[in-house]
Amino acid sequence: MGTNNKVHVKKGDMVAILAGKDKGKQGKVTRVLPKTGRVIVEGVNLVKKHLKAGPKIRQAGIVSQEAPLHSSNVMLICSKCGAPSRVGFAVTDDKKARVCRKCGEIADKV
């Protein structure tokens, strides 16, 4: 059984959360994990992590950090129309670019 690990968002994109405990929230993508098909969104899907004191971490305790979300649970927010929309692909100047399906605006910053 093969997995399709294509990720339709890039680092720095504004996305809307479609499913999960943070459904309806918006945030900026801080990291993309293409091997697992997941993204980390700033301020979304926070989990508590218990840290033990060590040479790198001086203070032990409980820290909140963002956990990865599956890329199918996020939708790109178009910079022109400001609404979450599906992503299409078009070839412009021999380059493949992401395109907003609602308004046709090119989403990639060239």
PDB file of N, CA and C in Angstrom:
ATOM      1  N   MET A   1       0.851  -1.179   0.000  1.00  0.00           N
ATOM      2  CA  MET A   1       0.000   0.000   0.000  1.00  0.00           C
ATOM      3  C   MET A   1       0.889   1.232   0.000  1.00  0.00           C
ATOM      4  N   GLY A   2       0.855   2.037  -1.066  1.00  0.00           N
ATOM      5  CA  GLY A   2       1.683   3.231  -1.179  1.00  0.00           C
ATOM      6  C   GLY A   2       0.993   4.437  -0.553  1.00  0.00           C
ATOM      7  N   THR A   3       1.803   5.369  -0.106  1.00  0.00           N
ATOM      8  CA  THR A   3       1.267   6.596   0.454  1.00  0.00           C
ATOM      9  C   THR A   3       1.622   7.754  -0.446  1.00  0.00           C
ATOM     10  N   ASN A   4       0.689   8.679  -0.579  1.00  0.00           N
ATOM     11  CA  ASN A   4       0.912   9.877  -1.371  1.00  0.00           C
ATOM     12  C   ASN A   4       1.325  10.986  -0.419  1.00  0.00           C
ATOM     13  N   ASN A   5       2.599  11.338  -0.414  1.00  0.00           N
ATOM     14  CA  ASN A   5       3.115  12.305   0.539  1.00  0.00           C
ATOM     15  C   ASN A   5       3.276  13.696  -0.050  1.00  0.00           C
ATOM     16  N   LYS A   6       2.470  14.043  -1.040  1.00  0.00           N
ATOM     17  CA  LYS A   6       2.533  15.381  -1.597  1.00  0.00           C
ATOM     18  C   LYS A   6       1.945  16.369  -0.597  1.00  0.00           C
ATOM     19  N   VAL A   7       2.646  17.455  -0.382  1.00  0.00           N
ATOM     20  CA  VAL A   7       2.173  18.487   0.527  1.00  0.00           C
ATOM     21  C   VAL A   7       1.891  19.730  -0.300  1.00  0.00           C
ATOM     22  N   HIS A   8       0.661  20.251  -0.217  1.00  0.00           N
ATOM     23  CA  HIS A   8       0.238  21.370  -1.051  1.00  0.00           C
ATOM     24  C   HIS A   8       0.525  22.731  -0.427  1.00  0.00           C
ATOM     25  N   VAL A   9       1.132  22.752   0.754  1.00  0.00           N
ATOM     26  CA  VAL A   9       1.490  24.013   1.404  1.00  0.00           C
ATOM     27  C   VAL A   9       2.996  24.068   1.616  1.00  0.00           C
ATOM     28  N   LYS A  10       3.517  25.278   1.753  1.00  0.00           N
ATOM     29  CA  LYS A  10       4.942  25.485   1.963  1.00  0.00           C
ATOM     30  C   LYS A  10       5.157  26.277   3.242  1.00  0.00           C
ATOM     31  N   LYS A  11       6.405  26.314   3.693  1.00  0.00           N
ATOM     32  CA  LYS A  11       6.766  27.074   4.872  1.00  0.00           C
ATOM     33  C   LYS A  11       6.440  28.551   4.642  1.00  0.00           C
ATOM     34  N   GLY A  12       5.779  29.160   5.612  1.00  0.00           N
ATOM     35  CA  GLY A  12       5.415  30.573   5.505  1.00  0.00           C
ATOM     36  C   GLY A  12       4.006  30.821   5.008  1.00  0.00           C
ATOM     37  N   ASP A  13       3.306  29.788   4.513  1.00  0.00           N
ATOM     38  CA  ASP A  13       1.924  29.944   4.039  1.00  0.00           C
ATOM     39  C   ASP A  13       0.965  30.124   5.207  1.00  0.00           C
ATOM     40  N   MET A  14      -0.098  30.913   4.989  1.00  0.00           N
ATOM     41  CA  MET A  14      -1.188  31.010   5.958  1.00  0.00           C
ATOM     42  C   MET A  14      -2.187  29.918   5.608  1.00  0.00           C
ATOM     43  N   VAL A  15      -2.592  29.150   6.623  1.00  0.00           N
ATOM     44  CA  VAL A  15      -3.517  28.045   6.394  1.00  0.00           C
ATOM     45  C   VAL A  15      -4.663  28.089   7.393  1.00  0.00           C
ATOM     46  N   ALA A  16      -5.770  27.467   7.019  1.00  0.00           N
ATOM     47  CA  ALA A  16      -6.919  27.283   7.894  1.00  0.00           C
ATOM     48  C   ALA A  16      -6.962  25.809   8.283  1.00  0.00           C
ATOM     49  N   ILE A  17      -7.309  25.533   9.543  1.00  0.00           N
ATOM     50  CA  ILE A  17      -7.387  24.168  10.044  1.00  0.00           C
ATOM     51  C   ILE A  17      -8.793  23.642   9.773  1.00  0.00           C
ATOM     52  N   LEU A  18      -8.889  22.477   9.119  1.00  0.00           N
ATOM     53  CA  LEU A  18     -10.179  21.922   8.702  1.00  0.00           C
ATOM     54  C   LEU A  18     -10.736  20.896   9.678  1.00  0.00           C
ATOM     55  N   ALA A  19      -9.864  20.219  10.435  1.00  0.00           N
ATOM     56  CA  ALA A  19     -10.340  19.136  11.299  1.00  0.00           C
ATOM     57  C   ALA A  19      -9.489  19.069  12.560  1.00  0.00           C
ATOM     58  N   GLY A  20     -10.044  18.450  13.583  1.00  0.00           N
ATOM     59  CA  GLY A  20      -9.310  18.263  14.826  1.00  0.00           C
ATOM     60  C   GLY A  20      -9.746  19.241  15.899  1.00  0.00           C
ATOM     61  N   LYS A  21      -9.002  19.268  16.992  1.00  0.00           N
ATOM     62  CA  LYS A  21      -9.386  20.094  18.142  1.00  0.00           C
ATOM     63  C   LYS A  21      -9.260  21.588  17.867  1.00  0.00           C
ATOM     64  N   ASP A  22      -8.489  21.975  16.858  1.00  0.00           N
ATOM     65  CA  ASP A  22      -8.301  23.382  16.518  1.00  0.00           C
ATOM     66  C   ASP A  22      -9.019  23.774  15.236  1.00  0.00           C
ATOM     67  N   LYS A  23     -10.094  23.064  14.896  1.00  0.00           N
ATOM     68  CA  LYS A  23     -10.846  23.330  13.675  1.00  0.00           C
ATOM     69  C   LYS A  23     -11.318  24.784  13.651  1.00  0.00           C
ATOM     70  N   GLY A  24     -11.099  25.455  12.509  1.00  0.00           N
ATOM     71  CA  GLY A  24     -11.530  26.838  12.352  1.00  0.00           C
ATOM     72  C   GLY A  24     -10.430  27.857  12.617  1.00  0.00           C
ATOM     73  N   LYS A  25      -9.352  27.454  13.258  1.00  0.00           N
ATOM     74  CA  LYS A  25      -8.254  28.380  13.539  1.00  0.00           C
ATOM     75  C   LYS A  25      -7.398  28.584  12.297  1.00  0.00           C
ATOM     76  N   GLN A  26      -6.630  29.670  12.327  1.00  0.00           N
ATOM     77  CA  GLN A  26      -5.718  29.970  11.237  1.00  0.00           C
ATOM     78  C   GLN A  26      -4.321  30.157  11.800  1.00  0.00           C
ATOM     79  N   GLY A  27      -3.306  29.894  10.990  1.00  0.00           N
ATOM     80  CA  GLY A  27      -1.934  30.071  11.437  1.00  0.00           C
ATOM     81  C   GLY A  27      -0.959  29.968  10.286  1.00  0.00           C
ATOM     82  N   LYS A  28       0.303  30.252  10.595  1.00  0.00           N
ATOM     83  CA  LYS A  28       1.368  30.227   9.600  1.00  0.00           C
ATOM     84  C   LYS A  28       2.112  28.905   9.707  1.00  0.00           C
ATOM     85  N   VAL A  29       2.421  28.296   8.564  1.00  0.00           N
ATOM     86  CA  VAL A  29       3.167  27.046   8.533  1.00  0.00           C
ATOM     87  C   VAL A  29       4.625  27.355   8.900  1.00  0.00           C
ATOM     88  N   THR A  30       5.124  26.698   9.960  1.00  0.00           N
ATOM     89  CA  THR A  30       6.504  26.924  10.385  1.00  0.00           C
ATOM     90  C   THR A  30       7.441  25.844   9.871  1.00  0.00           C
ATOM     91  N   ARG A  31       6.893  24.653   9.593  1.00  0.00           N
ATOM     92  CA  ARG A  31       7.726  23.546   9.137  1.00  0.00           C
ATOM     93  C   ARG A  31       6.885  22.567   8.338  1.00  0.00           C
ATOM     94  N   VAL A  32       7.464  22.004   7.282  1.00  0.00           N
ATOM     95  CA  VAL A  32       6.791  20.991   6.458  1.00  0.00           C
ATOM     96  C   VAL A  32       7.600  19.704   6.551  1.00  0.00           C
ATOM     97  N   LEU A  33       6.905  18.586   6.810  1.00  0.00           N
ATOM     98  CA  LEU A  33       7.540  17.274   6.895  1.00  0.00           C
ATOM     99  C   LEU A  33       7.044  16.425   5.726  1.00  0.00           C
ATOM    100  N   PRO A  34       7.691  16.522   4.555  1.00  0.00           N
ATOM    101  CA  PRO A  34       7.166  15.855   3.365  1.00  0.00           C
ATOM    102  C   PRO A  34       7.204  14.335   3.420  1.00  0.00           C
ATOM    103  N   LYS A  35       8.135  13.743   4.156  1.00  0.00           N
ATOM    104  CA  LYS A  35       8.197  12.276   4.230  1.00  0.00           C
ATOM    105  C   LYS A  35       6.964  11.688   4.889  1.00  0.00           C
ATOM    106  N   THR A  36       6.415  12.390   5.884  1.00  0.00           N
ATOM    107  CA  THR A  36       5.225  11.894   6.586  1.00  0.00           C
ATOM    108  C   THR A  36       3.951  12.591   6.124  1.00  0.00           C
ATOM    109  N   GLY A  37       4.086  13.627   5.259  1.00  0.00           N
ATOM    110  CA  GLY A  37       2.913  14.347   4.769  1.00  0.00           C
ATOM    111  C   GLY A  37       2.274  15.207   5.836  1.00  0.00           C
ATOM    112  N   ARG A  38       3.080  15.748   6.745  1.00  0.00           N
ATOM    113  CA  ARG A  38       2.567  16.547   7.852  1.00  0.00           C
ATOM    114  C   ARG A  38       3.155  17.951   7.848  1.00  0.00           C
ATOM    115  N   VAL A  39       2.457  18.864   8.532  1.00  0.00           N
ATOM    116  CA  VAL A  39       2.917  20.246   8.666  1.00  0.00           C
ATOM    117  C   VAL A  39       2.799  20.680  10.115  1.00  0.00           C
ATOM    118  N   ILE A  40       3.642  21.619  10.526  1.00  0.00           N
ATOM    119  CA  ILE A  40       3.559  22.211  11.855  1.00  0.00           C
ATOM    120  C   ILE A  40       3.112  23.649  11.669  1.00  0.00           C
ATOM    121  N   VAL A  41       2.003  24.010  12.346  1.00  0.00           N
ATOM    122  CA  VAL A  41       1.406  25.331  12.212  1.00  0.00           C
ATOM    123  C   VAL A  41       1.601  26.092  13.524  1.00  0.00           C
ATOM    124  N   GLU A  42       2.006  27.345  13.410  1.00  0.00           N
ATOM    125  CA  GLU A  42       2.300  28.186  14.564  1.00  0.00           C
ATOM    126  C   GLU A  42       1.068  28.397  15.438  1.00  0.00           C
ATOM    127  N   GLY A  43       1.166  28.037  16.718  1.00  0.00           N
ATOM    128  CA  GLY A  43       0.102  28.267  17.688  1.00  0.00           C
ATOM    129  C   GLY A  43      -1.079  27.315  17.597  1.00  0.00           C
ATOM    130  N   VAL A  44      -0.951  26.248  16.842  1.00  0.00           N
ATOM    131  CA  VAL A  44      -2.056  25.306  16.644  1.00  0.00           C
ATOM    132  C   VAL A  44      -1.612  23.901  17.030  1.00  0.00           C
ATOM    133  N   ASN A  45      -2.534  23.092  17.543  1.00  0.00           N
ATOM    134  CA  ASN A  45      -2.279  21.703  17.937  1.00  0.00           C
ATOM    135  C   ASN A  45      -1.193  21.631  19.015  1.00  0.00           C
ATOM    136  N   LEU A  46      -1.369  22.448  20.060  1.00  0.00           N
ATOM    137  CA  LEU A  46      -0.406  22.492  21.149  1.00  0.00           C
ATOM    138  C   LEU A  46      -0.538  21.253  22.027  1.00  0.00           C
ATOM    139  N   VAL A  47       0.597  20.681  22.379  1.00  0.00           N
ATOM    140  CA  VAL A  47       0.639  19.528  23.285  1.00  0.00           C
ATOM    141  C   VAL A  47       1.623  19.835  24.398  1.00  0.00           C
ATOM    142  N   LYS A  48       1.429  19.198  25.537  1.00  0.00           N
ATOM    143  CA  LYS A  48       2.327  19.371  26.676  1.00  0.00           C
ATOM    144  C   LYS A  48       3.424  18.323  26.593  1.00  0.00           C
ATOM    145  N   LYS A  49       4.665  18.754  26.766  1.00  0.00           N
ATOM    146  CA  LYS A  49       5.796  17.838  26.740  1.00  0.00           C
ATOM    147  C   LYS A  49       6.551  17.964  28.059  1.00  0.00           C
ATOM    148  N   HIS A  50       6.816  16.833  28.683  1.00  0.00           N
ATOM    149  CA  HIS A  50       7.547  16.812  29.952  1.00  0.00           C
ATOM    150  C   HIS A  50       9.034  16.710  29.651  1.00  0.00           C
ATOM    151  N   LEU A  51       9.781  17.702  30.088  1.00  0.00           N
ATOM    152  CA  LEU A  51      11.218  17.732  29.831  1.00  0.00           C
ATOM    153  C   LEU A  51      11.993  17.433  31.104  1.00  0.00           C
ATOM    154  N   LYS A  52      13.018  16.619  30.945  1.00  0.00           N
ATOM    155  CA  LYS A  52      13.900  16.248  32.045  1.00  0.00           C
ATOM    156  C   LYS A  52      15.148  17.135  31.962  1.00  0.00           C
ATOM    157  N   ALA A  53      15.679  17.560  33.079  1.00  0.00           N
ATOM    158  CA  ALA A  53      16.869  18.398  33.087  1.00  0.00           C
ATOM    159  C   ALA A  53      18.058  17.613  32.550  1.00  0.00           C
ATOM    160  N   GLY A  54      18.890  18.291  31.778  1.00  0.00           N
ATOM    161  CA  GLY A  54      20.070  17.661  31.203  1.00  0.00           C
ATOM    162  C   GLY A  54      21.082  18.715  30.841  1.00  0.00           C
ATOM    163  N   PRO A  55      22.110  18.330  30.107  1.00  0.00           N
ATOM    164  CA  PRO A  55      23.134  19.311  29.747  1.00  0.00           C
ATOM    165  C   PRO A  55      22.623  20.427  28.830  1.00  0.00           C
ATOM    166  N   LYS A  56      21.705  20.108  27.925  1.00  0.00           N
ATOM    167  CA  LYS A  56      21.171  21.125  27.019  1.00  0.00           C
ATOM    168  C   LYS A  56      20.020  21.886  27.665  1.00  0.00           C
ATOM    169  N   ILE A  57      19.198  21.203  28.458  1.00  0.00           N
ATOM    170  CA  ILE A  57      18.038  21.811  29.097  1.00  0.00           C
ATOM    171  C   ILE A  57      18.348  21.971  30.584  1.00  0.00           C
ATOM    172  N   ARG A  58      18.451  23.204  31.007  1.00  0.00           N
ATOM    173  CA  ARG A  58      18.815  23.462  32.411  1.00  0.00           C
ATOM    174  C   ARG A  58      17.629  23.243  33.349  1.00  0.00           C
ATOM    175  N   GLN A  59      16.452  23.704  32.916  1.00  0.00           N
ATOM    176  CA  GLN A  59      15.283  23.647  33.786  1.00  0.00           C
ATOM    177  C   GLN A  59      14.332  22.536  33.328  1.00  0.00           C
ATOM    178  N   ALA A  60      14.023  21.625  34.225  1.00  0.00           N
ATOM    179  CA  ALA A  60      13.048  20.576  33.928  1.00  0.00           C
ATOM    180  C   ALA A  60      11.650  21.154  34.095  1.00  0.00           C
ATOM    181  N   GLY A  61      10.674  20.548  33.431  1.00  0.00           N
ATOM    182  CA  GLY A  61       9.303  21.022  33.579  1.00  0.00           C
ATOM    183  C   GLY A  61       8.425  20.600  32.423  1.00  0.00           C
ATOM    184  N   ILE A  62       7.249  21.208  32.374  1.00  0.00           N
ATOM    185  CA  ILE A  62       6.267  20.912  31.339  1.00  0.00           C
ATOM    186  C   ILE A  62       6.236  22.085  30.361  1.00  0.00           C
ATOM    187  N   VAL A  63       6.421  21.782  29.078  1.00  0.00           N
ATOM    188  CA  VAL A  63       6.495  22.807  28.038  1.00  0.00           C
ATOM    189  C   VAL A  63       5.401  22.548  27.003  1.00  0.00           C
ATOM    190  N   SER A  64       4.748  23.622  26.526  1.00  0.00           N
ATOM    191  CA  SER A  64       3.783  23.498  25.427  1.00  0.00           C
ATOM    192  C   SER A  64       4.519  23.683  24.113  1.00  0.00           C
ATOM    193  N   GLN A  65       4.241  22.811  23.156  1.00  0.00           N
ATOM    194  CA  GLN A  65       4.828  22.949  21.829  1.00  0.00           C
ATOM    195  C   GLN A  65       3.846  22.460  20.783  1.00  0.00           C
ATOM    196  N   GLU A  66       4.080  22.897  19.521  1.00  0.00           N
ATOM    197  CA  GLU A  66       3.192  22.508  18.424  1.00  0.00           C
ATOM    198  C   GLU A  66       3.514  21.097  17.955  1.00  0.00           C
ATOM    199  N   ALA A  67       2.479  20.312  17.730  1.00  0.00           N
ATOM    200  CA  ALA A  67       2.637  18.964  17.199  1.00  0.00           C
ATOM    201  C   ALA A  67       2.246  18.990  15.714  1.00  0.00           C
ATOM    202  N   PRO A  68       2.774  18.065  14.918  1.00  0.00           N
ATOM    203  CA  PRO A  68       2.442  18.052  13.486  1.00  0.00           C
ATOM    204  C   PRO A  68       0.978  17.687  13.217  1.00  0.00           C
ATOM    205  N   LEU A  69       0.430  18.296  12.171  1.00  0.00           N
ATOM    206  CA  LEU A  69      -0.915  17.987  11.669  1.00  0.00           C
ATOM    207  C   LEU A  69      -0.752  17.341  10.301  1.00  0.00           C
ATOM    208  N   HIS A  70      -1.687  16.493   9.930  1.00  0.00           N
ATOM    209  CA  HIS A  70      -1.645  15.930   8.588  1.00  0.00           C
ATOM    210  C   HIS A  70      -2.000  17.028   7.594  1.00  0.00           C
ATOM    211  N   SER A  71      -1.324  17.039   6.445  1.00  0.00           N
ATOM    212  CA  SER A  71      -1.514  18.114   5.468  1.00  0.00           C
ATOM    213  C   SER A  71      -2.932  18.141   4.882  1.00  0.00           C
ATOM    214  N   SER A  72      -3.651  17.026   4.960  1.00  0.00           N
ATOM    215  CA  SER A  72      -5.024  17.011   4.439  1.00  0.00           C
ATOM    216  C   SER A  72      -5.976  17.771   5.354  1.00  0.00           C
ATOM    217  N   ASN A  73      -5.539  18.082   6.570  1.00  0.00           N
ATOM    218  CA  ASN A  73      -6.380  18.804   7.516  1.00  0.00           C
ATOM    219  C   ASN A  73      -6.140  20.306   7.501  1.00  0.00           C
ATOM    220  N   VAL A  74      -5.340  20.791   6.555  1.00  0.00           N
ATOM    221  CA  VAL A  74      -5.127  22.226   6.418  1.00  0.00           C
ATOM    222  C   VAL A  74      -5.443  22.650   4.994  1.00  0.00           C
ATOM    223  N   MET A  75      -5.875  23.918   4.855  1.00  0.00           N
ATOM    224  CA  MET A  75      -6.202  24.457   3.534  1.00  0.00           C
ATOM    225  C   MET A  75      -5.552  25.830   3.398  1.00  0.00           C
ATOM    226  N   LEU A  76      -4.923  26.067   2.274  1.00  0.00           N
ATOM    227  CA  LEU A  76      -4.224  27.315   2.011  1.00  0.00           C
ATOM    228  C   LEU A  76      -5.200  28.487   1.982  1.00  0.00           C
ATOM    229  N   ILE A  77      -4.816  29.607   2.622  1.00  0.00           N
ATOM    230  CA  ILE A  77      -5.618  30.828   2.570  1.00  0.00           C
ATOM    231  C   ILE A  77      -5.030  31.707   1.475  1.00  0.00           C
ATOM    232  N   CYS A  78      -5.842  32.043   0.501  1.00  0.00           N
ATOM    233  CA  CYS A  78      -5.405  32.844  -0.641  1.00  0.00           C
ATOM    234  C   CYS A  78      -5.103  34.271  -0.194  1.00  0.00           C
ATOM    235  N   SER A  79      -3.996  34.823  -0.679  1.00  0.00           N
ATOM    236  CA  SER A  79      -3.612  36.175  -0.292  1.00  0.00           C
ATOM    237  C   SER A  79      -4.501  37.234  -0.966  1.00  0.00           C
ATOM    238  N   LYS A  80      -5.094  36.905  -2.118  1.00  0.00           N
ATOM    239  CA  LYS A  80      -5.927  37.876  -2.838  1.00  0.00           C
ATOM    240  C   LYS A  80      -7.369  37.882  -2.315  1.00  0.00           C
ATOM    241  N   CYS A  81      -8.006  36.704  -2.300  1.00  0.00           N
ATOM    242  CA  CYS A  81      -9.416  36.661  -1.881  1.00  0.00           C
ATOM    243  C   CYS A  81      -9.572  36.472  -0.373  1.00  0.00           C
ATOM    244  N   GLY A  82      -8.516  36.077   0.325  1.00  0.00           N
ATOM    245  CA  GLY A  82      -8.539  35.967   1.785  1.00  0.00           C
ATOM    246  C   GLY A  82      -9.350  34.809   2.322  1.00  0.00           C
ATOM    247  N   ALA A  83      -9.755  33.899   1.466  1.00  0.00           N
ATOM    248  CA  ALA A  83     -10.568  32.761   1.890  1.00  0.00           C
ATOM    249  C   ALA A  83      -9.779  31.467   1.716  1.00  0.00           C
ATOM    250  N   PRO A  84     -10.062  30.460   2.546  1.00  0.00           N
ATOM    251  CA  PRO A  84      -9.426  29.158   2.338  1.00  0.00           C
ATOM    252  C   PRO A  84      -9.897  28.568   1.016  1.00  0.00           C
ATOM    253  N   SER A  85      -8.963  28.056   0.229  1.00  0.00           N
ATOM    254  CA  SER A  85      -9.344  27.486  -1.059  1.00  0.00           C
ATOM    255  C   SER A  85      -8.422  26.333  -1.417  1.00  0.00           C
ATOM    256  N   ARG A  86      -8.903  25.499  -2.307  1.00  0.00           N
ATOM    257  CA  ARG A  86      -8.100  24.377  -2.786  1.00  0.00           C
ATOM    258  C   ARG A  86      -6.975  24.896  -3.658  1.00  0.00           C
ATOM    259  N   VAL A  87      -5.944  24.081  -3.796  1.00  0.00           N
ATOM    260  CA  VAL A  87      -4.776  24.479  -4.563  1.00  0.00           C
ATOM    261  C   VAL A  87      -4.743  23.718  -5.875  1.00  0.00           C
ATOM    262  N   GLY A  88      -4.564  24.459  -6.958  1.00  0.00           N
ATOM    263  CA  GLY A  88      -4.379  23.854  -8.262  1.00  0.00           C
ATOM    264  C   GLY A  88      -2.962  24.134  -8.727  1.00  0.00           C
ATOM    265  N   PHE A  89      -2.557  23.533  -9.814  1.00  0.00           N
ATOM    266  CA  PHE A  89      -1.219  23.740 -10.337  1.00  0.00           C
ATOM    267  C   PHE A  89      -1.305  24.175 -11.790  1.00  0.00           C
ATOM    268  N   ALA A  90      -0.461  25.138 -12.178  1.00  0.00           N
ATOM    269  CA  ALA A  90      -0.406  25.625 -13.555  1.00  0.00           C
ATOM    270  C   ALA A  90       1.054  25.843 -13.924  1.00  0.00           C
ATOM    271  N   VAL A  91       1.356  25.697 -15.210  1.00  0.00           N
ATOM    272  CA  VAL A  91       2.719  25.914 -15.679  1.00  0.00           C
ATOM    273  C   VAL A  91       2.808  27.326 -16.250  1.00  0.00           C
ATOM    274  N   THR A  92       3.685  28.140 -15.652  1.00  0.00           N
ATOM    275  CA  THR A  92       3.919  29.500 -16.133  1.00  0.00           C
ATOM    276  C   THR A  92       5.418  29.703 -16.286  1.00  0.00           C
ATOM    277  N   ASP A  93       5.842  30.154 -17.443  1.00  0.00           N
ATOM    278  CA  ASP A  93       7.261  30.395 -17.736  1.00  0.00           C
ATOM    279  C   ASP A  93       8.116  29.162 -17.445  1.00  0.00           C
ATOM    280  N   ASP A  94       7.658  28.000 -17.881  1.00  0.00           N
ATOM    281  CA  ASP A  94       8.351  26.726 -17.680  1.00  0.00           C
ATOM    282  C   ASP A  94       8.533  26.368 -16.208  1.00  0.00           C
ATOM    283  N   LYS A  95       7.716  26.942 -15.328  1.00  0.00           N
ATOM    284  CA  LYS A  95       7.748  26.600 -13.904  1.00  0.00           C
ATOM    285  C   LYS A  95       6.358  26.186 -13.459  1.00  0.00           C
ATOM    286  N   LYS A  96       6.304  25.221 -12.573  1.00  0.00           N
ATOM    287  CA  LYS A  96       5.036  24.771 -12.016  1.00  0.00           C
ATOM    288  C   LYS A  96       4.705  25.670 -10.829  1.00  0.00           C
ATOM    289  N   ALA A  97       3.516  26.265 -10.827  1.00  0.00           N
ATOM    290  CA  ALA A  97       3.125  27.194  -9.774  1.00  0.00           C
ATOM    291  C   ALA A  97       1.800  26.769  -9.159  1.00  0.00           C
ATOM    292  N   ARG A  98       1.624  27.079  -7.882  1.00  0.00           N
ATOM    293  CA  ARG A  98       0.358  26.799  -7.202  1.00  0.00           C
ATOM    294  C   ARG A  98      -0.624  27.926  -7.488  1.00  0.00           C
ATOM    295  N   VAL A  99      -1.882  27.549  -7.730  1.00  0.00           N
ATOM    296  CA  VAL A  99      -2.905  28.515  -8.109  1.00  0.00           C
ATOM    297  C   VAL A  99      -4.124  28.337  -7.212  1.00  0.00           C
ATOM    298  N   CYS A 100      -4.721  29.461  -6.787  1.00  0.00           N
ATOM    299  CA  CYS A 100      -5.956  29.440  -5.998  1.00  0.00           C
ATOM    300  C   CYS A 100      -7.101  28.992  -6.901  1.00  0.00           C
ATOM    301  N   ARG A 101      -7.888  28.014  -6.453  1.00  0.00           N
ATOM    302  CA  ARG A 101      -8.993  27.497  -7.264  1.00  0.00           C
ATOM    303  C   ARG A 101     -10.181  28.444  -7.301  1.00  0.00           C
ATOM    304  N   LYS A 102     -10.296  29.356  -6.313  1.00  0.00           N
ATOM    305  CA  LYS A 102     -11.443  30.272  -6.282  1.00  0.00           C
ATOM    306  C   LYS A 102     -11.254  31.467  -7.207  1.00  0.00           C
ATOM    307  N   CYS A 103     -10.077  32.121  -7.108  1.00  0.00           N
ATOM    308  CA  CYS A 103      -9.899  33.368  -7.862  1.00  0.00           C
ATOM    309  C   CYS A 103      -8.869  33.269  -8.975  1.00  0.00           C
ATOM    310  N   GLY A 104      -8.076  32.193  -9.013  1.00  0.00           N
ATOM    311  CA  GLY A 104      -7.095  32.006 -10.071  1.00  0.00           C
ATOM    312  C   GLY A 104      -5.767  32.702  -9.805  1.00  0.00           C
ATOM    313  N   GLU A 105      -5.595  33.305  -8.624  1.00  0.00           N
ATOM    314  CA  GLU A 105      -4.354  33.998  -8.265  1.00  0.00           C
ATOM    315  C   GLU A 105      -3.229  32.997  -8.051  1.00  0.00           C
ATOM    316  N   ILE A 106      -2.028  33.333  -8.499  1.00  0.00           N
ATOM    317  CA  ILE A 106      -0.867  32.461  -8.281  1.00  0.00           C
ATOM    318  C   ILE A 106      -0.424  32.611  -6.833  1.00  0.00           C
ATOM    319  N   ALA A 107      -0.349  31.496  -6.102  1.00  0.00           N
ATOM    320  CA  ALA A 107      -0.049  31.507  -4.672  1.00  0.00           C
ATOM    321  C   ALA A 107       1.442  31.539  -4.375  1.00  0.00           C
ATOM    322  N   ASP A 108       2.272  31.131  -5.320  1.00  0.00           N
ATOM    323  CA  ASP A 108       3.710  31.093  -5.072  1.00  0.00           C
ATOM    324  C   ASP A 108       4.313  32.488  -5.156  1.00  0.00           C
ATOM    325  N   LYS A 109       5.217  32.761  -4.208  1.00  0.00           N
ATOM    326  CA  LYS A 109       5.945  34.027  -4.239  1.00  0.00           C
ATOM    327  C   LYS A 109       7.191  33.824  -5.071  1.00  0.00           C
ATOM    328  N   VAL A 110       7.285  34.506  -6.195  1.00  0.00           N
ATOM    329  CA  VAL A 110       8.420  34.313  -7.112  1.00  0.00           C
ATOM    330  C   VAL A 110       9.528  35.299  -6.820  1.00  0.00           C
TER     331      VAL A 110
END
